[in-house]
């Protein structure tokens, strides 16, 4: 249940006990966000992974390392960004060769809908000048099911969510590329999309 006070700190505290869907039953903890509500730029991904579930912070695992590296390359300080996910609990099944590895499962529409009030409240609290949607789940949750990241990535889209809204791939997709050459090409494209973000952010007048 959303708190009466809609600051990021109040939302994070309230979300810690969220039971709006069944995902909290198998998750270690709620993984809410990192960053403060005075951030000019917000990144929204899909959901926490195994390492995020254990640490309680978003994008600290392999995909987070890719994101941090790419941000450094385009001159965006991650500590200046607000980073969150559409879904706040890790959805997983056991698998792998040992049968004991927690493997990511894509959240379904009901789980996304259950978490949507938290994300809407975060956007309202932070009021980002630039909103970056990472991957299809985040983009379709906020821009509609017909939105295709492959067709519109790296291009600004019109939305009431923020003055500037853009979508790109999720950094985990780079890690899933079939070989080193494909990963290098995917990473190059990801950096190019983030360079569009960095150039636009640098040209916006300070409002805070």
Protein backbone atom coordinates (compact mmCIF):
# COMPACT_ATOMS: atom_id res chain seq x y z
CA UNK A 1 0.00 0.00 0.00
CA UNK A 2 1.37 3.39 -0.96
CA UNK A 3 2.19 5.72 1.94
CA UNK A 4 0.58 9.13 2.35
CA UNK A 5 4.01 10.75 2.09
CA UNK A 6 5.25 10.26 -1.45
CA UNK A 7 8.96 10.90 -1.02
CA UNK A 8 11.39 8.29 -2.33
CA UNK A 9 12.47 7.38 1.20
CA UNK A 10 8.86 6.90 2.32
CA UNK A 11 8.08 4.84 -0.76
CA UNK A 12 11.14 2.66 -0.27
CA UNK A 13 10.22 2.01 3.35
CA UNK A 14 6.62 1.14 2.49
CA UNK A 15 7.60 -1.10 -0.42
CA UNK A 16 9.74 -3.21 1.89
CA UNK A 17 6.60 -4.94 3.14
CA UNK A 18 4.69 -5.05 -0.16
CA UNK A 19 2.61 -8.20 -0.71
CA UNK A 20 0.60 -6.99 -3.72
CA UNK A 21 1.59 -10.08 -5.73
CA UNK A 22 3.03 -13.50 -4.97
CA UNK A 23 6.62 -12.64 -5.97
CA UNK A 24 7.49 -11.48 -2.45
CA UNK A 25 7.05 -15.06 -1.23
CA UNK A 26 10.24 -16.33 -2.89
CA UNK A 27 12.29 -13.13 -2.92
CA UNK A 28 14.90 -12.32 -0.31
CA UNK A 29 13.71 -8.73 -0.07
CA UNK A 30 12.17 -5.85 -1.97
CA UNK A 31 14.70 -4.22 -4.29
CA UNK A 32 13.38 -0.70 -4.63
CA UNK A 33 15.83 1.79 -6.10
CA UNK A 34 19.10 3.61 -5.81
CA UNK A 35 19.54 7.35 -6.10
CA UNK A 36 17.77 10.39 -4.73
CA UNK A 37 14.68 12.28 -5.79
CA UNK A 38 16.70 15.26 -7.03
CA UNK A 39 18.18 13.17 -9.86
CA UNK A 40 17.70 14.68 -13.32
CA UNK A 41 17.79 11.29 -15.04
CA UNK A 42 15.95 8.07 -14.20
CA UNK A 43 16.68 4.59 -15.54
CA UNK A 44 13.96 1.93 -15.39
CA UNK A 45 14.74 -1.74 -15.97
CA UNK A 46 12.69 -4.91 -15.74
CA UNK A 47 13.29 -6.49 -12.33
CA UNK A 48 16.11 -7.31 -9.90
CA UNK A 49 18.25 -10.37 -10.58
CA UNK A 50 19.89 -12.84 -8.24
CA UNK A 51 22.63 -10.51 -7.00
CA UNK A 52 20.26 -7.56 -6.67
CA UNK A 53 17.86 -9.71 -4.65
CA UNK A 54 20.65 -10.53 -2.23
CA UNK A 55 22.11 -7.02 -2.05
CA UNK A 56 18.81 -5.11 -1.98
CA UNK A 57 19.97 -2.67 -4.68
CA UNK A 58 19.18 -2.56 -8.41
CA UNK A 59 21.73 -3.16 -11.16
CA UNK A 60 24.64 -4.40 -9.02
CA UNK A 61 25.15 -7.68 -10.89
CA UNK A 62 26.65 -8.34 -14.34
CA UNK A 63 24.03 -6.25 -16.18
CA UNK A 64 24.60 -3.43 -13.74
CA UNK A 65 28.31 -3.55 -14.45
CA UNK A 66 27.60 -3.19 -18.16
CA UNK A 67 25.33 -0.23 -17.44
CA UNK A 68 27.90 1.46 -15.19
CA UNK A 69 30.68 0.99 -17.76
CA UNK A 70 28.55 2.42 -20.57
CA UNK A 71 27.51 5.40 -18.46
CA UNK A 72 31.15 6.18 -17.71
CA UNK A 73 31.95 6.08 -21.42
CA UNK A 74 29.31 8.71 -22.23
CA UNK A 75 30.09 10.88 -19.22
CA UNK A 76 27.05 10.21 -17.05
CA UNK A 77 27.77 9.73 -13.36
CA UNK A 78 25.72 6.83 -12.11
CA UNK A 79 25.60 8.37 -8.63
CA UNK A 80 23.70 11.28 -10.19
CA UNK A 81 21.02 8.99 -11.64
CA UNK A 82 17.95 7.38 -10.10
CA UNK A 83 17.85 3.68 -10.96
CA UNK A 84 14.85 1.42 -10.46
CA UNK A 85 12.85 -1.43 -12.00
CA UNK A 86 9.28 -2.01 -13.12
CA UNK A 87 9.04 -4.99 -10.76
CA UNK A 88 10.60 -4.84 -7.30
CA UNK A 89 10.94 -8.55 -6.47
CA UNK A 90 13.12 -11.18 -8.14
CA UNK A 91 11.11 -13.76 -10.10
CA UNK A 92 13.03 -16.98 -10.52
CA UNK A 93 13.00 -20.75 -10.95
CA UNK A 94 15.69 -23.27 -10.04
CA UNK A 95 17.73 -24.53 -12.98
CA UNK A 96 21.23 -24.82 -14.37
CA UNK A 97 23.31 -27.99 -14.47
CA UNK A 98 23.11 -28.39 -10.72
CA UNK A 99 19.43 -27.59 -10.60
CA UNK A 100 20.22 -25.15 -7.82
CA UNK A 101 20.81 -21.93 -9.75
CA UNK A 102 18.14 -19.24 -9.47
CA UNK A 103 17.26 -18.41 -13.05
CA UNK A 104 15.47 -15.21 -14.02
CA UNK A 105 11.89 -15.44 -15.25
CA UNK A 106 10.17 -12.62 -17.09
CA UNK A 107 7.40 -11.01 -15.02
CA UNK A 108 3.88 -11.36 -16.36
CA UNK A 109 1.26 -8.65 -16.90
CA UNK A 110 -0.37 -9.18 -13.50
CA UNK A 111 2.92 -8.88 -11.65
CA UNK A 112 3.84 -5.75 -13.59
CA UNK A 113 0.42 -4.24 -12.86
CA UNK A 114 0.77 -5.00 -9.15
CA UNK A 115 4.04 -3.06 -9.02
CA UNK A 116 2.96 -0.21 -11.29
CA UNK A 117 1.71 2.09 -8.48
CA UNK A 118 5.20 2.09 -6.97
CA UNK A 119 6.82 3.07 -10.26
CA UNK A 120 4.24 5.77 -10.94
CA UNK A 121 4.88 7.19 -7.46
CA UNK A 122 8.64 7.12 -8.03
CA UNK A 123 8.32 9.06 -11.27
CA UNK A 124 6.07 11.56 -9.54
CA UNK A 125 8.52 11.97 -6.64
CA UNK A 126 11.68 12.26 -8.76
CA UNK A 127 10.19 14.22 -11.68
CA UNK A 128 13.09 13.29 -13.96
CA UNK A 129 13.97 15.51 -16.85
CA UNK A 130 15.13 12.44 -18.77
CA UNK A 131 13.57 8.98 -18.43
CA UNK A 132 15.48 6.03 -19.93
CA UNK A 133 13.65 2.73 -20.32
CA UNK A 134 15.92 -0.30 -20.41
CA UNK A 135 14.49 -3.21 -22.37
CA UNK A 136 11.13 -4.30 -23.71
CA UNK A 137 9.45 -4.98 -20.38
CA UNK A 138 10.07 -1.46 -19.08
CA UNK A 139 9.29 0.19 -22.40
CA UNK A 140 6.04 -1.69 -22.98
CA UNK A 141 4.93 -1.27 -19.37
CA UNK A 142 5.22 2.51 -19.65
CA UNK A 143 4.71 3.20 -23.36
CA UNK A 144 2.24 0.49 -24.32
CA UNK A 145 2.34 -3.11 -25.46
CA UNK A 146 2.78 -2.15 -29.11
CA UNK A 147 6.07 -0.32 -28.47
CA UNK A 148 9.05 -2.08 -30.02
CA UNK A 149 12.48 -1.28 -28.65
CA UNK A 150 14.13 -2.77 -31.74
CA UNK A 151 12.33 -0.21 -33.92
CA UNK A 152 12.47 2.87 -31.71
CA UNK A 153 15.60 2.53 -29.59
CA UNK A 154 17.81 5.57 -29.23
CA UNK A 155 15.06 7.94 -30.38
CA UNK A 156 13.08 10.35 -28.24
CA UNK A 157 9.41 9.52 -27.88
CA UNK A 158 6.52 11.75 -26.84
CA UNK A 159 5.15 10.89 -23.41
CA UNK A 160 3.61 12.56 -20.38
CA UNK A 161 6.00 10.62 -18.15
CA UNK A 162 8.84 13.12 -18.45
CA UNK A 163 10.03 15.97 -20.71
CA UNK A 164 12.41 13.55 -22.44
CA UNK A 165 11.71 9.82 -22.75
CA UNK A 166 13.82 7.27 -24.61
CA UNK A 167 14.17 3.49 -24.74
CA UNK A 168 17.11 1.23 -25.39
CA UNK A 169 18.00 -2.41 -24.83
CA UNK A 170 18.43 -3.90 -21.39
CA UNK A 171 22.15 -4.39 -20.64
CA UNK A 172 21.50 -8.06 -19.86
CA UNK A 173 20.72 -8.60 -23.55
CA UNK A 174 24.31 -7.69 -24.34
CA UNK A 175 25.54 -10.42 -22.03
CA UNK A 176 23.28 -12.94 -23.76
CA UNK A 177 24.77 -12.26 -27.20
CA UNK A 178 26.10 -15.52 -28.71
CA UNK A 179 29.78 -14.63 -29.04
CA UNK A 180 32.35 -11.95 -28.30
CA UNK A 181 31.90 -10.19 -31.63
CA UNK A 182 28.15 -10.00 -31.18
CA UNK A 183 28.55 -8.73 -27.61
CA UNK A 184 30.95 -6.02 -28.77
CA UNK A 185 28.51 -4.90 -31.47
CA UNK A 186 25.56 -4.91 -29.05
CA UNK A 187 27.53 -2.94 -26.49
CA UNK A 188 28.55 -0.38 -29.12
CA UNK A 189 24.89 0.15 -29.99
CA UNK A 190 23.97 0.50 -26.32
CA UNK A 191 26.66 3.14 -25.80
CA UNK A 192 25.46 5.00 -28.90
CA UNK A 193 21.94 5.15 -27.45
CA UNK A 194 23.25 6.42 -24.13
CA UNK A 195 25.36 9.02 -25.94
CA UNK A 196 22.12 10.47 -27.33
CA UNK A 197 20.91 10.70 -23.73
CA UNK A 198 24.14 12.26 -22.47
CA UNK A 199 24.26 14.87 -25.24
CA UNK A 200 20.65 15.89 -24.67
CA UNK A 201 21.04 15.99 -20.88
CA UNK A 202 24.10 18.20 -21.22
CA UNK A 203 22.10 20.63 -23.35
CA UNK A 204 19.18 20.96 -20.97
CA UNK A 205 19.17 24.04 -18.72
CA UNK A 206 19.56 23.24 -15.02
CA UNK A 207 16.23 23.31 -13.22
CA UNK A 208 17.30 22.24 -9.74
